Amino acid sequence: MSEVEELRAEIARLKGQQQEDKLTIGFGNKGNVKVGGKALGQRFPVTLYAPSWLKVLDQADEIRQFIEDNKDQLTWER
């Protein structure tokens, strides 16, 4: 395999990895918002109605602070 072919193969592999790490956002069965993908590291997507997502997003700073304050008590394994 030539050096150019090796580089192309490596680029393709890295692009595939990027897709695996990406969150997916879409519609759930009932017109709700579904967030999932391998980036979450869990089997099932998180599905909430739009108003609930907005409430969660509005409190992002508080959620981050809670996680930071309690990181020793939380599970970090996937």
PDB file of N, CA and C in Angstrom:
ATOM      1  N   MET A   1       0.855  -1.178   0.000  1.00  0.00           N
ATOM      2  CA  MET A   1       0.000   0.000   0.000  1.00  0.00           C
ATOM      3  C   MET A   1       0.897   1.236   0.000  1.00  0.00           C
ATOM      4  N   SER A   2       0.586   2.180  -0.894  1.00  0.00           N
ATOM      5  CA  SER A   2       1.400   3.387  -0.982  1.00  0.00           C
ATOM      6  C   SER A   2       1.124   4.310   0.201  1.00  0.00           C
ATOM      7  N   GLU A   3       1.999   5.269   0.368  1.00  0.00           N
ATOM      8  CA  GLU A   3       1.851   6.208   1.474  1.00  0.00           C
ATOM      9  C   GLU A   3       0.552   7.018   1.340  1.00  0.00           C
ATOM     10  N   VAL A   4       0.209   7.387   0.124  1.00  0.00           N
ATOM     11  CA  VAL A   4      -1.025   8.140  -0.123  1.00  0.00           C
ATOM     12  C   VAL A   4      -2.243   7.297   0.253  1.00  0.00           C
ATOM     13  N   GLU A   5      -2.233   6.037  -0.119  1.00  0.00           N
ATOM     14  CA  GLU A   5      -3.349   5.139   0.224  1.00  0.00           C
ATOM     15  C   GLU A   5      -3.460   4.960   1.731  1.00  0.00           C
ATOM     16  N   GLU A   6      -2.324   4.846   2.400  1.00  0.00           N
ATOM     17  CA  GLU A   6      -2.323   4.721   3.856  1.00  0.00           C
ATOM     18  C   GLU A   6      -2.923   5.958   4.509  1.00  0.00           C
ATOM     19  N   LEU A   7      -2.546   7.138   4.007  1.00  0.00           N
ATOM     20  CA  LEU A   7      -3.085   8.377   4.552  1.00  0.00           C
ATOM     21  C   LEU A   7      -4.586   8.481   4.309  1.00  0.00           C
ATOM     22  N   ARG A   8      -5.036   8.085   3.132  1.00  0.00           N
ATOM     23  CA  ARG A   8      -6.471   8.102   2.841  1.00  0.00           C
ATOM     24  C   ARG A   8      -7.229   7.148   3.766  1.00  0.00           C
ATOM     25  N   ALA A   9      -6.655   5.991   4.014  1.00  0.00           N
ATOM     26  CA  ALA A   9      -7.289   5.029   4.915  1.00  0.00           C
ATOM     27  C   ALA A   9      -7.359   5.588   6.332  1.00  0.00           C
ATOM     28  N   GLU A  10      -6.303   6.245   6.770  1.00  0.00           N
ATOM     29  CA  GLU A  10      -6.289   6.847   8.108  1.00  0.00           C
ATOM     30  C   GLU A  10      -7.321   7.973   8.219  1.00  0.00           C
ATOM     31  N   ILE A  11      -7.432   8.791   7.182  1.00  0.00           N
ATOM     32  CA  ILE A  11      -8.439   9.861   7.170  1.00  0.00           C
ATOM     33  C   ILE A  11      -9.836   9.265   7.268  1.00  0.00           C
ATOM     34  N   ALA A  12     -10.111   8.216   6.519  1.00  0.00           N
ATOM     35  CA  ALA A  12     -11.425   7.567   6.558  1.00  0.00           C
ATOM     36  C   ALA A  12     -11.703   7.001   7.947  1.00  0.00           C
ATOM     37  N   ARG A  13     -10.700   6.404   8.564  1.00  0.00           N
ATOM     38  CA  ARG A  13     -10.864   5.851   9.909  1.00  0.00           C
ATOM     39  C   ARG A  13     -11.183   6.956  10.907  1.00  0.00           C
ATOM     40  N   LEU A  14     -10.464   8.070  10.831  1.00  0.00           N
ATOM     41  CA  LEU A  14     -10.687   9.184  11.752  1.00  0.00           C
ATOM     42  C   LEU A  14     -12.057   9.825  11.541  1.00  0.00           C
ATOM     43  N   LYS A  15     -12.501   9.931  10.298  1.00  0.00           N
ATOM     44  CA  LYS A  15     -13.841  10.466  10.030  1.00  0.00           C
ATOM     45  C   LYS A  15     -14.907   9.556  10.628  1.00  0.00           C
ATOM     46  N   GLY A  16     -14.708   8.258  10.544  1.00  0.00           N
ATOM     47  CA  GLY A  16     -15.637   7.311  11.143  1.00  0.00           C
ATOM     48  C   GLY A  16     -15.680   7.459  12.650  1.00  0.00           C
ATOM     49  N   GLN A  17     -14.539   7.679  13.254  1.00  0.00           N
ATOM     50  CA  GLN A  17     -14.463   7.893  14.707  1.00  0.00           C
ATOM     51  C   GLN A  17     -15.208   9.153  15.102  1.00  0.00           C
ATOM     52  N   GLN A  18     -15.084  10.205  14.313  1.00  0.00           N
ATOM     53  CA  GLN A  18     -15.782  11.458  14.593  1.00  0.00           C
ATOM     54  C   GLN A  18     -17.280  11.223  14.628  1.00  0.00           C
ATOM     55  N   GLN A  19     -17.795  10.452  13.690  1.00  0.00           N
ATOM     56  CA  GLN A  19     -19.221  10.176  13.636  1.00  0.00           C
ATOM     57  C   GLN A  19     -19.668   9.421  14.879  1.00  0.00           C
ATOM     58  N   GLU A  20     -18.839   8.504  15.370  1.00  0.00           N
ATOM     59  CA  GLU A  20     -19.178   7.738  16.567  1.00  0.00           C
ATOM     60  C   GLU A  20     -19.280   8.631  17.798  1.00  0.00           C
ATOM     61  N   ASP A  21     -18.481   9.683  17.853  1.00  0.00           N
ATOM     62  CA  ASP A  21     -18.436  10.555  19.019  1.00  0.00           C
ATOM     63  C   ASP A  21     -19.477  11.670  18.963  1.00  0.00           C
ATOM     64  N   LYS A  22     -20.258  11.703  17.908  1.00  0.00           N
ATOM     65  CA  LYS A  22     -21.213  12.786  17.703  1.00  0.00           C
ATOM     66  C   LYS A  22     -22.561  12.472  18.343  1.00  0.00           C
ATOM     67  N   LEU A  23     -23.161  13.475  18.951  1.00  0.00           N
ATOM     68  CA  LEU A  23     -24.524  13.338  19.450  1.00  0.00           C
ATOM     69  C   LEU A  23     -25.482  13.384  18.268  1.00  0.00           C
ATOM     70  N   THR A  24     -26.545  12.629  18.371  1.00  0.00           N
ATOM     71  CA  THR A  24     -27.588  12.705  17.357  1.00  0.00           C
ATOM     72  C   THR A  24     -28.814  13.355  17.988  1.00  0.00           C
ATOM     73  N   ILE A  25     -29.453  14.210  17.233  1.00  0.00           N
ATOM     74  CA  ILE A  25     -30.639  14.904  17.703  1.00  0.00           C
ATOM     75  C   ILE A  25     -31.733  14.684  16.675  1.00  0.00           C
ATOM     76  N   GLY A  26     -32.904  14.281  17.140  1.00  0.00           N
ATOM     77  CA  GLY A  26     -33.989  14.021  16.208  1.00  0.00           C
ATOM     78  C   GLY A  26     -35.338  14.033  16.903  1.00  0.00           C
ATOM     79  N   PHE A  27     -36.338  13.585  16.157  1.00  0.00           N
ATOM     80  CA  PHE A  27     -37.699  13.523  16.680  1.00  0.00           C
ATOM     81  C   PHE A  27     -37.957  12.171  17.320  1.00  0.00           C
ATOM     82  N   GLY A  28     -38.625  12.188  18.461  1.00  0.00           N
ATOM     83  CA  GLY A  28     -39.093  10.972  19.084  1.00  0.00           C
ATOM     84  C   GLY A  28     -40.429  10.568  18.487  1.00  0.00           C
ATOM     85  N   ASN A  29     -41.016   9.498  18.985  1.00  0.00           N
ATOM     86  CA  ASN A  29     -42.273   8.965  18.463  1.00  0.00           C
ATOM     87  C   ASN A  29     -43.452   9.908  18.637  1.00  0.00           C
ATOM     88  N   LYS A  30     -43.418  10.738  19.650  1.00  0.00           N
ATOM     89  CA  LYS A  30     -44.589  11.559  19.988  1.00  0.00           C
ATOM     90  C   LYS A  30     -44.334  13.044  19.770  1.00  0.00           C
ATOM     91  N   GLY A  31     -43.469  13.376  18.821  1.00  0.00           N
ATOM     92  CA  GLY A  31     -43.181  14.774  18.552  1.00  0.00           C
ATOM     93  C   GLY A  31     -42.267  15.409  19.573  1.00  0.00           C
ATOM     94  N   ASN A  32     -41.555  14.586  20.320  1.00  0.00           N
ATOM     95  CA  ASN A  32     -40.620  15.105  21.306  1.00  0.00           C
ATOM     96  C   ASN A  32     -39.210  15.123  20.722  1.00  0.00           C
ATOM     97  N   VAL A  33     -38.249  15.555  21.510  1.00  0.00           N
ATOM     98  CA  VAL A  33     -36.865  15.668  21.055  1.00  0.00           C
ATOM     99  C   VAL A  33     -36.055  14.528  21.657  1.00  0.00           C
ATOM    100  N   LYS A  34     -35.333  13.833  20.785  1.00  0.00           N
ATOM    101  CA  LYS A  34     -34.539  12.668  21.191  1.00  0.00           C
ATOM    102  C   LYS A  34     -33.063  12.988  20.962  1.00  0.00           C
ATOM    103  N   VAL A  35     -32.255  12.807  22.003  1.00  0.00           N
ATOM    104  CA  VAL A  35     -30.807  13.017  21.915  1.00  0.00           C
ATOM    105  C   VAL A  35     -30.133  11.702  22.267  1.00  0.00           C
ATOM    106  N   GLY A  36     -29.230  11.266  21.405  1.00  0.00           N
ATOM    107  CA  GLY A  36     -28.560  10.000  21.646  1.00  0.00           C
ATOM    108  C   GLY A  36     -27.221   9.957  20.939  1.00  0.00           C
ATOM    109  N   GLY A  37     -26.788   8.754  20.637  1.00  0.00           N
ATOM    110  CA  GLY A  37     -25.508   8.561  19.968  1.00  0.00           C
ATOM    111  C   GLY A  37     -24.479   7.980  20.911  1.00  0.00           C
ATOM    112  N   LYS A  38     -23.417   7.483  20.323  1.00  0.00           N
ATOM    113  CA  LYS A  38     -22.369   6.851  21.122  1.00  0.00           C
ATOM    114  C   LYS A  38     -21.660   7.839  22.038  1.00  0.00           C
ATOM    115  N   ALA A  39     -21.750   9.114  21.715  1.00  0.00           N
ATOM    116  CA  ALA A  39     -21.105  10.119  22.559  1.00  0.00           C
ATOM    117  C   ALA A  39     -21.688  10.128  23.968  1.00  0.00           C
ATOM    118  N   LEU A  40     -22.946   9.741  24.094  1.00  0.00           N
ATOM    119  CA  LEU A  40     -23.558   9.688  25.421  1.00  0.00           C
ATOM    120  C   LEU A  40     -23.075   8.489  26.221  1.00  0.00           C
ATOM    121  N   GLY A  41     -22.637   7.458  25.543  1.00  0.00           N
ATOM    122  CA  GLY A  41     -22.134   6.283  26.240  1.00  0.00           C
ATOM    123  C   GLY A  41     -23.221   5.487  26.928  1.00  0.00           C
ATOM    124  N   GLN A  42     -24.420   5.580  26.449  1.00  0.00           N
ATOM    125  CA  GLN A  42     -25.500   4.783  27.020  1.00  0.00           C
ATOM    126  C   GLN A  42     -26.310   4.168  25.889  1.00  0.00           C
ATOM    127  N   ARG A  43     -27.057   3.169  26.255  1.00  0.00           N
ATOM    128  CA  ARG A  43     -27.754   2.371  25.262  1.00  0.00           C
ATOM    129  C   ARG A  43     -28.952   3.078  24.636  1.00  0.00           C
ATOM    130  N   PHE A  44     -29.703   3.803  25.444  1.00  0.00           N
ATOM    131  CA  PHE A  44     -30.937   4.421  24.966  1.00  0.00           C
ATOM    132  C   PHE A  44     -30.808   5.935  24.933  1.00  0.00           C
ATOM    133  N   PRO A  45     -31.475   6.581  23.980  1.00  0.00           N
ATOM    134  CA  PRO A  45     -31.428   8.039  23.925  1.00  0.00           C
ATOM    135  C   PRO A  45     -32.239   8.668  25.052  1.00  0.00           C
ATOM    136  N   VAL A  46     -31.973   9.932  25.282  1.00  0.00           N
ATOM    137  CA  VAL A  46     -32.745  10.709  26.247  1.00  0.00           C
ATOM    138  C   VAL A  46     -33.826  11.433  25.452  1.00  0.00           C
ATOM    139  N   THR A  47     -35.089  11.248  25.841  1.00  0.00           N
ATOM    140  CA  THR A  47     -36.206  11.830  25.104  1.00  0.00           C
ATOM    141  C   THR A  47     -37.054  12.674  26.038  1.00  0.00           C
ATOM    142  N   LEU A  48     -37.201  13.933  25.695  1.00  0.00           N
ATOM    143  CA  LEU A  48     -38.032  14.866  26.461  1.00  0.00           C
ATOM    144  C   LEU A  48     -38.824  15.727  25.483  1.00  0.00           C
ATOM    145  N   TYR A  49     -39.930  16.276  25.956  1.00  0.00           N
ATOM    146  CA  TYR A  49     -40.663  17.243  25.152  1.00  0.00           C
ATOM    147  C   TYR A  49     -39.892  18.556  25.141  1.00  0.00           C
ATOM    148  N   ALA A  50     -40.098  19.362  24.116  1.00  0.00           N
ATOM    149  CA  ALA A  50     -39.342  20.594  23.921  1.00  0.00           C
ATOM    150  C   ALA A  50     -39.323  21.496  25.160  1.00  0.00           C
ATOM    151  N   PRO A  51     -40.464  21.735  25.821  1.00  0.00           N
ATOM    152  CA  PRO A  51     -40.409  22.610  27.009  1.00  0.00           C
ATOM    153  C   PRO A  51     -39.498  22.053  28.113  1.00  0.00           C
ATOM    154  N   SER A  52     -39.464  20.743  28.249  1.00  0.00           N
ATOM    155  CA  SER A  52     -38.595  20.138  29.271  1.00  0.00           C
ATOM    156  C   SER A  52     -37.129  20.330  28.904  1.00  0.00           C
ATOM    157  N   TRP A  53     -36.776  20.156  27.623  1.00  0.00           N
ATOM    158  CA  TRP A  53     -35.396  20.393  27.193  1.00  0.00           C
ATOM    159  C   TRP A  53     -34.991  21.836  27.477  1.00  0.00           C
ATOM    160  N   LEU A  54     -35.890  22.775  27.197  1.00  0.00           N
ATOM    161  CA  LEU A  54     -35.564  24.183  27.426  1.00  0.00           C
ATOM    162  C   LEU A  54     -35.325  24.460  28.903  1.00  0.00           C
ATOM    163  N   LYS A  55     -36.108  23.828  29.772  1.00  0.00           N
ATOM    164  CA  LYS A  55     -35.893  23.989  31.218  1.00  0.00           C
ATOM    165  C   LYS A  55     -34.545  23.415  31.640  1.00  0.00           C
ATOM    166  N   VAL A  56     -34.197  22.237  31.096  1.00  0.00           N
ATOM    167  CA  VAL A  56     -32.900  21.629  31.408  1.00  0.00           C
ATOM    168  C   VAL A  56     -31.771  22.531  30.915  1.00  0.00           C
ATOM    169  N   LEU A  57     -31.889  23.009  29.679  1.00  0.00           N
ATOM    170  CA  LEU A  57     -30.836  23.862  29.116  1.00  0.00           C
ATOM    171  C   LEU A  57     -30.704  25.181  29.873  1.00  0.00           C
ATOM    172  N   ASP A  58     -31.827  25.710  30.346  1.00  0.00           N
ATOM    173  CA  ASP A  58     -31.787  26.948  31.134  1.00  0.00           C
ATOM    174  C   ASP A  58     -31.013  26.776  32.437  1.00  0.00           C
ATOM    175  N   GLN A  59     -30.955  25.549  32.931  1.00  0.00           N
ATOM    176  CA  GLN A  59     -30.257  25.294  34.196  1.00  0.00           C
ATOM    177  C   GLN A  59     -28.922  24.576  33.993  1.00  0.00           C
ATOM    178  N   ALA A  60     -28.354  24.704  32.822  1.00  0.00           N
ATOM    179  CA  ALA A  60     -27.095  24.017  32.513  1.00  0.00           C
ATOM    180  C   ALA A  60     -25.992  24.376  33.502  1.00  0.00           C
ATOM    181  N   ASP A  61     -25.897  25.652  33.859  1.00  0.00           N
ATOM    182  CA  ASP A  61     -24.846  26.070  34.802  1.00  0.00           C
ATOM    183  C   ASP A  61     -25.019  25.406  36.164  1.00  0.00           C
ATOM    184  N   GLU A  62     -26.272  25.325  36.635  1.00  0.00           N
ATOM    185  CA  GLU A  62     -26.539  24.692  37.926  1.00  0.00           C
ATOM    186  C   GLU A  62     -26.248  23.195  37.877  1.00  0.00           C
ATOM    187  N   ILE A  63     -26.566  22.572  36.758  1.00  0.00           N
ATOM    188  CA  ILE A  63     -26.290  21.134  36.608  1.00  0.00           C
ATOM    189  C   ILE A  63     -24.782  20.891  36.613  1.00  0.00           C
ATOM    190  N   ARG A  64     -24.056  21.718  35.881  1.00  0.00           N
ATOM    191  CA  ARG A  64     -22.586  21.590  35.863  1.00  0.00           C
ATOM    192  C   ARG A  64     -22.002  21.782  37.267  1.00  0.00           C
ATOM    193  N   GLN A  65     -22.519  22.765  37.988  1.00  0.00           N
ATOM    194  CA  GLN A  65     -22.025  23.028  39.342  1.00  0.00           C
ATOM    195  C   GLN A  65     -22.328  21.850  40.270  1.00  0.00           C
ATOM    196  N   PHE A  66     -23.531  21.283  40.155  1.00  0.00           N
ATOM    197  CA  PHE A  66     -23.895  20.121  40.955  1.00  0.00           C
ATOM    198  C   PHE A  66     -22.930  18.965  40.678  1.00  0.00           C
ATOM    199  N   ILE A  67     -22.651  18.728  39.413  1.00  0.00           N
ATOM    200  CA  ILE A  67     -21.726  17.644  39.050  1.00  0.00           C
ATOM    201  C   ILE A  67     -20.345  17.919  39.622  1.00  0.00           C
ATOM    202  N   GLU A  68     -19.877  19.154  39.493  1.00  0.00           N
ATOM    203  CA  GLU A  68     -18.562  19.509  40.024  1.00  0.00           C
ATOM    204  C   GLU A  68     -18.514  19.348  41.541  1.00  0.00           C
ATOM    205  N   ASP A  69     -19.567  19.804  42.224  1.00  0.00           N
ATOM    206  CA  ASP A  69     -19.611  19.725  43.683  1.00  0.00           C
ATOM    207  C   ASP A  69     -19.716  18.284  44.191  1.00  0.00           C
ATOM    208  N   ASN A  70     -20.245  17.405  43.397  1.00  0.00           N
ATOM    209  CA  ASN A  70     -20.499  16.031  43.842  1.00  0.00           C
ATOM    210  C   ASN A  70     -19.747  14.981  43.035  1.00  0.00           C
ATOM    211  N   LYS A  71     -18.688  15.391  42.350  1.00  0.00           N
ATOM    212  CA  LYS A  71     -17.991  14.467  41.443  1.00  0.00           C
ATOM    213  C   LYS A  71     -17.451  13.221  42.147  1.00  0.00           C
ATOM    214  N   ASP A  72     -17.127  13.316  43.418  1.00  0.00           N
ATOM    215  CA  ASP A  72     -16.616  12.149  44.135  1.00  0.00           C
ATOM    216  C   ASP A  72     -17.704  11.116  44.426  1.00  0.00           C
ATOM    217  N   GLN A  73     -18.946  11.546  44.419  1.00  0.00           N
ATOM    218  CA  GLN A  73     -20.054  10.641  44.712  1.00  0.00           C
ATOM    219  C   GLN A  73     -20.733  10.105  43.450  1.00  0.00           C
ATOM    220  N   LEU A  74     -20.336  10.614  42.299  1.00  0.00           N
ATOM    221  CA  LEU A  74     -20.971  10.209  41.043  1.00  0.00           C
ATOM    222  C   LEU A  74     -20.163   9.115  40.347  1.00  0.00           C
ATOM    223  N   THR A  75     -20.853   8.312  39.566  1.00  0.00           N
ATOM    224  CA  THR A  75     -20.199   7.263  38.789  1.00  0.00           C
ATOM    225  C   THR A  75     -19.719   7.843  37.479  1.00  0.00           C
ATOM    226  N   TRP A  76     -18.471   7.571  37.132  1.00  0.00           N
ATOM    227  CA  TRP A  76     -17.880   8.120  35.908  1.00  0.00           C
ATOM    228  C   TRP A  76     -17.635   7.051  34.856  1.00  0.00           C
ATOM    229  N   GLU A  77     -17.976   5.832  35.145  1.00  0.00           N
ATOM    230  CA  GLU A  77     -17.792   4.748  34.173  1.00  0.00           C
ATOM    231  C   GLU A  77     -18.888   4.781  33.145  1.00  0.00           C
ATOM    232  N   ARG A  78     -18.572   4.317  31.988  1.00  0.00           N
ATOM    233  CA  ARG A  78     -19.588   4.190  30.925  1.00  0.00           C
ATOM    234  C   ARG A  78     -19.893   2.756  30.703  1.00  0.00           C
TER     235      ARG A  78
END
